[in-house]
Amino acid sequence: MDQFGVTNPKLKALALSPFISAENKALLNEPVIRDTNMRDFLGAEVKNIIGQVEISAYGLPGEIGVLTVQVPSSSTAENDGLKDLEFAASFLCCTVLNVLS
């Protein structure tokens, strides 16, 4: 029953201490306005990641990023490849802190 998963000791050690880049550490320490309202983005409904439940559900280091709640068919967002319930921490090579940035 214990013959699955990561077996290499070096990889196991890496898994125990996740790497957070200097840029992400700085982002985590910045005060960010966490608006609870849904917003329109290219025809899709998006919202900020807010609270420990959402942080845990998406395996995030903190309240950063945006969740696409609903992406209607034939919307610009769908045509650009967005799907329902996807998390975005960056878009077009830019970090996404919240729906306002």
N, C-alpha and C. Protein backbone atom coordinates (compact mmCIF):
# COMPACT_ATOMS: atom_id res chain seq x y z
N MET A 1 0.81 -1.20 0.00
CA MET A 1 0.00 0.00 0.00
C MET A 1 0.85 1.26 0.00
N ASP A 2 2.15 1.15 0.24
CA ASP A 2 3.00 2.34 0.28
C ASP A 2 3.93 2.40 -0.93
N GLN A 3 3.57 1.77 -2.02
CA GLN A 3 4.42 1.71 -3.20
C GLN A 3 3.95 2.67 -4.30
N PHE A 4 3.56 3.87 -3.93
CA PHE A 4 3.11 4.85 -4.91
C PHE A 4 3.60 6.23 -4.48
N GLY A 5 3.44 7.20 -5.37
CA GLY A 5 3.84 8.56 -5.05
C GLY A 5 5.33 8.79 -5.29
N VAL A 6 5.83 9.87 -4.74
CA VAL A 6 7.23 10.24 -4.92
C VAL A 6 8.09 9.34 -4.06
N THR A 7 9.09 8.71 -4.66
CA THR A 7 9.97 7.82 -3.91
C THR A 7 11.39 8.36 -3.81
N ASN A 8 11.78 9.27 -4.68
CA ASN A 8 13.11 9.85 -4.65
C ASN A 8 13.24 10.76 -3.43
N PRO A 9 14.21 10.53 -2.53
CA PRO A 9 14.36 11.34 -1.32
C PRO A 9 14.56 12.84 -1.59
N LYS A 10 15.28 13.18 -2.66
CA LYS A 10 15.49 14.59 -2.98
C LYS A 10 14.17 15.27 -3.36
N LEU A 11 13.35 14.57 -4.13
CA LEU A 11 12.05 15.13 -4.52
C LEU A 11 11.10 15.21 -3.33
N LYS A 12 11.16 14.23 -2.43
CA LYS A 12 10.33 14.28 -1.23
C LYS A 12 10.69 15.50 -0.39
N ALA A 13 11.98 15.78 -0.27
CA ALA A 13 12.43 16.95 0.50
C ALA A 13 11.92 18.24 -0.13
N LEU A 14 11.93 18.31 -1.46
CA LEU A 14 11.42 19.50 -2.15
C LEU A 14 9.92 19.69 -1.87
N ALA A 15 9.19 18.60 -1.84
CA ALA A 15 7.75 18.68 -1.61
C ALA A 15 7.42 19.18 -0.20
N LEU A 16 8.30 18.92 0.76
CA LEU A 16 8.06 19.35 2.13
C LEU A 16 8.27 20.84 2.33
N SER A 17 9.06 21.47 1.46
CA SER A 17 9.33 22.91 1.61
C SER A 17 9.11 23.60 0.27
N PRO A 18 7.86 24.02 -0.01
CA PRO A 18 7.56 24.64 -1.31
C PRO A 18 8.34 25.92 -1.53
N PHE A 19 8.73 26.16 -2.76
CA PHE A 19 9.48 27.35 -3.11
C PHE A 19 8.52 28.50 -3.41
N ILE A 20 8.76 29.63 -2.78
CA ILE A 20 8.01 30.84 -3.08
C ILE A 20 9.04 31.89 -3.49
N SER A 21 8.92 32.35 -4.72
CA SER A 21 9.89 33.31 -5.25
C SER A 21 9.85 34.62 -4.48
N ALA A 22 10.90 35.42 -4.61
CA ALA A 22 10.97 36.72 -3.95
C ALA A 22 9.82 37.61 -4.41
N GLU A 23 9.47 37.53 -5.70
CA GLU A 23 8.35 38.32 -6.22
C GLU A 23 7.05 37.94 -5.54
N ASN A 24 6.80 36.64 -5.39
CA ASN A 24 5.57 36.20 -4.75
C ASN A 24 5.55 36.54 -3.27
N LYS A 25 6.70 36.46 -2.60
CA LYS A 25 6.75 36.85 -1.19
C LYS A 25 6.39 38.31 -1.04
N ALA A 26 6.89 39.15 -1.94
CA ALA A 26 6.57 40.58 -1.89
C ALA A 26 5.08 40.79 -2.12
N LEU A 27 4.50 40.04 -3.05
CA LEU A 27 3.07 40.16 -3.32
C LEU A 27 2.23 39.77 -2.11
N LEU A 28 2.68 38.75 -1.40
CA LEU A 28 1.93 38.28 -0.24
C LEU A 28 1.96 39.28 0.90
N ASN A 29 2.97 40.13 0.95
CA ASN A 29 3.10 41.10 2.02
C ASN A 29 2.45 42.44 1.69
N GLU A 30 2.04 42.64 0.45
CA GLU A 30 1.39 43.89 0.05
C GLU A 30 -0.06 43.89 0.47
N PRO A 31 -0.54 45.01 1.03
CA PRO A 31 -1.98 45.09 1.30
C PRO A 31 -2.74 45.20 -0.02
N VAL A 32 -3.75 44.38 -0.19
CA VAL A 32 -4.52 44.35 -1.43
C VAL A 32 -6.00 44.48 -1.09
N ILE A 33 -6.69 45.32 -1.82
CA ILE A 33 -8.14 45.46 -1.63
C ILE A 33 -8.81 44.22 -2.21
N ARG A 34 -9.57 43.53 -1.39
CA ARG A 34 -10.25 42.31 -1.84
C ARG A 34 -11.73 42.61 -2.01
N ASP A 35 -12.10 43.07 -3.16
CA ASP A 35 -13.48 43.38 -3.50
C ASP A 35 -14.26 42.07 -3.61
N THR A 36 -15.41 42.01 -2.97
CA THR A 36 -16.21 40.77 -2.99
C THR A 36 -17.20 40.72 -4.16
N ASN A 37 -17.29 41.76 -4.95
CA ASN A 37 -18.24 41.81 -6.06
C ASN A 37 -17.75 41.04 -7.27
N MET A 38 -18.70 40.48 -8.01
CA MET A 38 -18.40 39.87 -9.31
C MET A 38 -18.09 40.99 -10.28
N ARG A 39 -17.19 40.74 -11.21
CA ARG A 39 -16.85 41.70 -12.24
C ARG A 39 -16.93 41.04 -13.60
N ASP A 40 -17.12 41.87 -14.63
CA ASP A 40 -17.13 41.38 -16.00
C ASP A 40 -15.71 41.48 -16.56
N PHE A 41 -15.25 40.41 -17.19
CA PHE A 41 -13.96 40.40 -17.87
C PHE A 41 -14.14 39.67 -19.19
N LEU A 42 -14.12 40.41 -20.28
CA LEU A 42 -14.29 39.85 -21.62
C LEU A 42 -15.57 39.02 -21.74
N GLY A 43 -16.61 39.44 -21.02
CA GLY A 43 -17.89 38.74 -21.07
C GLY A 43 -18.04 37.65 -20.03
N ALA A 44 -17.00 37.37 -19.26
CA ALA A 44 -17.07 36.34 -18.21
C ALA A 44 -17.25 37.00 -16.85
N GLU A 45 -17.85 36.27 -15.91
CA GLU A 45 -17.95 36.74 -14.54
C GLU A 45 -16.71 36.25 -13.79
N VAL A 46 -15.99 37.19 -13.18
CA VAL A 46 -14.80 36.85 -12.40
C VAL A 46 -14.93 37.43 -11.00
N LYS A 47 -14.18 36.84 -10.06
CA LYS A 47 -14.18 37.33 -8.68
C LYS A 47 -12.80 37.11 -8.07
N ASN A 48 -12.53 37.88 -7.03
CA ASN A 48 -11.30 37.71 -6.28
C ASN A 48 -11.33 36.41 -5.47
N ILE A 49 -10.16 35.86 -5.23
CA ILE A 49 -10.01 34.77 -4.28
C ILE A 49 -10.05 35.41 -2.89
N ILE A 50 -10.99 34.97 -2.06
CA ILE A 50 -11.15 35.57 -0.74
C ILE A 50 -11.35 34.47 0.31
N GLY A 51 -10.56 34.53 1.36
CA GLY A 51 -10.74 33.65 2.51
C GLY A 51 -9.95 32.36 2.45
N GLN A 52 -9.82 31.75 3.62
CA GLN A 52 -9.03 30.52 3.75
C GLN A 52 -9.62 29.35 2.98
N VAL A 53 -10.93 29.28 2.85
CA VAL A 53 -11.54 28.17 2.12
C VAL A 53 -11.10 28.19 0.66
N GLU A 54 -11.16 29.35 0.02
CA GLU A 54 -10.76 29.45 -1.38
C GLU A 54 -9.25 29.31 -1.53
N ILE A 55 -8.49 29.85 -0.59
CA ILE A 55 -7.02 29.70 -0.64
C ILE A 55 -6.68 28.22 -0.61
N SER A 56 -7.29 27.49 0.30
CA SER A 56 -7.02 26.05 0.44
C SER A 56 -7.52 25.27 -0.77
N ALA A 57 -8.70 25.60 -1.28
CA ALA A 57 -9.28 24.87 -2.40
C ALA A 57 -8.41 24.93 -3.64
N TYR A 58 -7.73 26.07 -3.84
CA TYR A 58 -6.90 26.24 -5.03
C TYR A 58 -5.42 26.09 -4.73
N GLY A 59 -5.06 25.74 -3.50
CA GLY A 59 -3.67 25.52 -3.13
C GLY A 59 -2.81 26.75 -3.30
N LEU A 60 -3.33 27.89 -2.89
CA LEU A 60 -2.64 29.16 -3.09
C LEU A 60 -1.86 29.58 -1.86
N PRO A 61 -0.85 30.43 -2.05
CA PRO A 61 -0.07 30.91 -0.91
C PRO A 61 -0.74 32.06 -0.16
N GLY A 62 -1.82 32.60 -0.69
CA GLY A 62 -2.52 33.71 -0.04
C GLY A 62 -3.66 34.19 -0.91
N GLU A 63 -4.26 35.30 -0.52
CA GLU A 63 -5.39 35.86 -1.27
C GLU A 63 -4.88 36.63 -2.49
N ILE A 64 -4.51 35.90 -3.52
CA ILE A 64 -4.07 36.50 -4.77
C ILE A 64 -4.81 35.83 -5.91
N GLY A 65 -4.96 36.53 -7.00
CA GLY A 65 -5.54 35.93 -8.18
C GLY A 65 -7.04 36.11 -8.29
N VAL A 66 -7.56 35.57 -9.39
CA VAL A 66 -8.95 35.74 -9.78
C VAL A 66 -9.51 34.39 -10.21
N LEU A 67 -10.79 34.16 -9.91
CA LEU A 67 -11.49 32.95 -10.31
C LEU A 67 -12.51 33.31 -11.37
N THR A 68 -12.50 32.56 -12.49
CA THR A 68 -13.55 32.75 -13.50
C THR A 68 -14.74 31.93 -13.03
N VAL A 69 -15.82 32.61 -12.66
CA VAL A 69 -16.99 31.93 -12.12
C VAL A 69 -17.85 31.36 -13.25
N GLN A 70 -18.12 32.18 -14.25
CA GLN A 70 -18.94 31.71 -15.38
C GLN A 70 -18.43 32.34 -16.67
N VAL A 71 -18.21 31.48 -17.66
CA VAL A 71 -17.75 31.94 -18.98
C VAL A 71 -18.81 31.53 -20.00
N PRO A 72 -19.64 32.48 -20.44
CA PRO A 72 -20.70 32.15 -21.39
C PRO A 72 -20.15 31.68 -22.74
N SER A 73 -20.90 30.81 -23.38
CA SER A 73 -20.54 30.36 -24.73
C SER A 73 -20.48 31.54 -25.67
N SER A 74 -19.55 31.51 -26.57
CA SER A 74 -19.37 32.54 -27.60
C SER A 74 -18.94 33.90 -27.05
N SER A 75 -18.56 33.97 -25.78
CA SER A 75 -18.05 35.23 -25.23
C SER A 75 -16.60 35.39 -25.67
N THR A 76 -16.11 36.60 -25.60
CA THR A 76 -14.69 36.85 -25.91
C THR A 76 -13.81 36.02 -25.00
N ALA A 77 -14.19 35.91 -23.72
CA ALA A 77 -13.41 35.13 -22.76
C ALA A 77 -13.31 33.66 -23.19
N GLU A 78 -14.43 33.07 -23.62
CA GLU A 78 -14.40 31.68 -24.08
C GLU A 78 -13.55 31.56 -25.35
N ASN A 79 -13.72 32.49 -26.26
CA ASN A 79 -12.92 32.47 -27.50
C ASN A 79 -11.43 32.58 -27.21
N ASP A 80 -11.08 33.25 -26.10
CA ASP A 80 -9.67 33.38 -25.70
C ASP A 80 -9.19 32.21 -24.86
N GLY A 81 -10.08 31.22 -24.61
CA GLY A 81 -9.66 30.00 -23.93
C GLY A 81 -10.00 29.89 -22.46
N LEU A 82 -10.69 30.88 -21.90
CA LEU A 82 -11.07 30.79 -20.48
C LEU A 82 -12.23 29.82 -20.32
N LYS A 83 -12.27 29.16 -19.16
CA LYS A 83 -13.32 28.20 -18.84
C LYS A 83 -13.89 28.50 -17.46
N ASP A 84 -15.07 27.95 -17.19
CA ASP A 84 -15.69 28.11 -15.87
C ASP A 84 -14.76 27.56 -14.78
N LEU A 85 -14.76 28.24 -13.65
CA LEU A 85 -14.06 27.81 -12.44
C LEU A 85 -12.56 27.59 -12.63
N GLU A 86 -11.93 28.46 -13.40
CA GLU A 86 -10.48 28.43 -13.55
C GLU A 86 -9.88 29.54 -12.71
N PHE A 87 -8.71 29.26 -12.15
CA PHE A 87 -7.98 30.25 -11.36
C PHE A 87 -6.92 30.89 -12.24
N ALA A 88 -6.77 32.22 -12.12
CA ALA A 88 -5.75 32.93 -12.89
C ALA A 88 -4.90 33.76 -11.94
N ALA A 89 -3.59 33.50 -11.94
CA ALA A 89 -2.64 34.30 -11.16
C ALA A 89 -1.86 35.22 -12.08
N SER A 90 -1.94 34.98 -13.38
CA SER A 90 -1.29 35.87 -14.34
C SER A 90 -2.07 35.85 -15.64
N PHE A 91 -1.94 36.93 -16.38
CA PHE A 91 -2.64 37.06 -17.66
C PHE A 91 -1.77 37.93 -18.56
N LEU A 92 -1.46 37.44 -19.75
CA LEU A 92 -0.60 38.16 -20.69
C LEU A 92 0.71 38.57 -20.02
N CYS A 93 1.31 37.63 -19.29
CA CYS A 93 2.62 37.81 -18.64
C CYS A 93 2.60 38.81 -17.49
N CYS A 94 1.44 39.20 -17.00
CA CYS A 94 1.35 40.12 -15.87
C CYS A 94 0.71 39.40 -14.68
N THR A 95 1.21 39.69 -13.48
CA THR A 95 0.63 39.10 -12.27
C THR A 95 -0.74 39.70 -12.02
N VAL A 96 -1.69 38.85 -11.66
CA VAL A 96 -3.05 39.30 -11.34
C VAL A 96 -3.22 39.20 -9.83
N LEU A 97 -3.30 40.35 -9.17
CA LEU A 97 -3.51 40.36 -7.74
C LEU A 97 -4.98 40.26 -7.37
N ASN A 98 -5.82 40.98 -8.15
CA ASN A 98 -7.25 41.01 -7.87
C ASN A 98 -7.97 41.46 -9.13
N VAL A 99 -9.29 41.56 -9.06
CA VAL A 99 -10.06 41.93 -10.25
C VAL A 99 -9.83 43.37 -10.68
N LEU A 100 -9.24 44.17 -9.81
CA LEU A 100 -8.99 45.57 -10.15
C LEU A 100 -7.65 45.78 -10.82
N SER A 101 -6.75 44.80 -10.74
CA SER A 101 -5.40 45.00 -11.32
C SER A 101 -5.25 44.32 -12.67
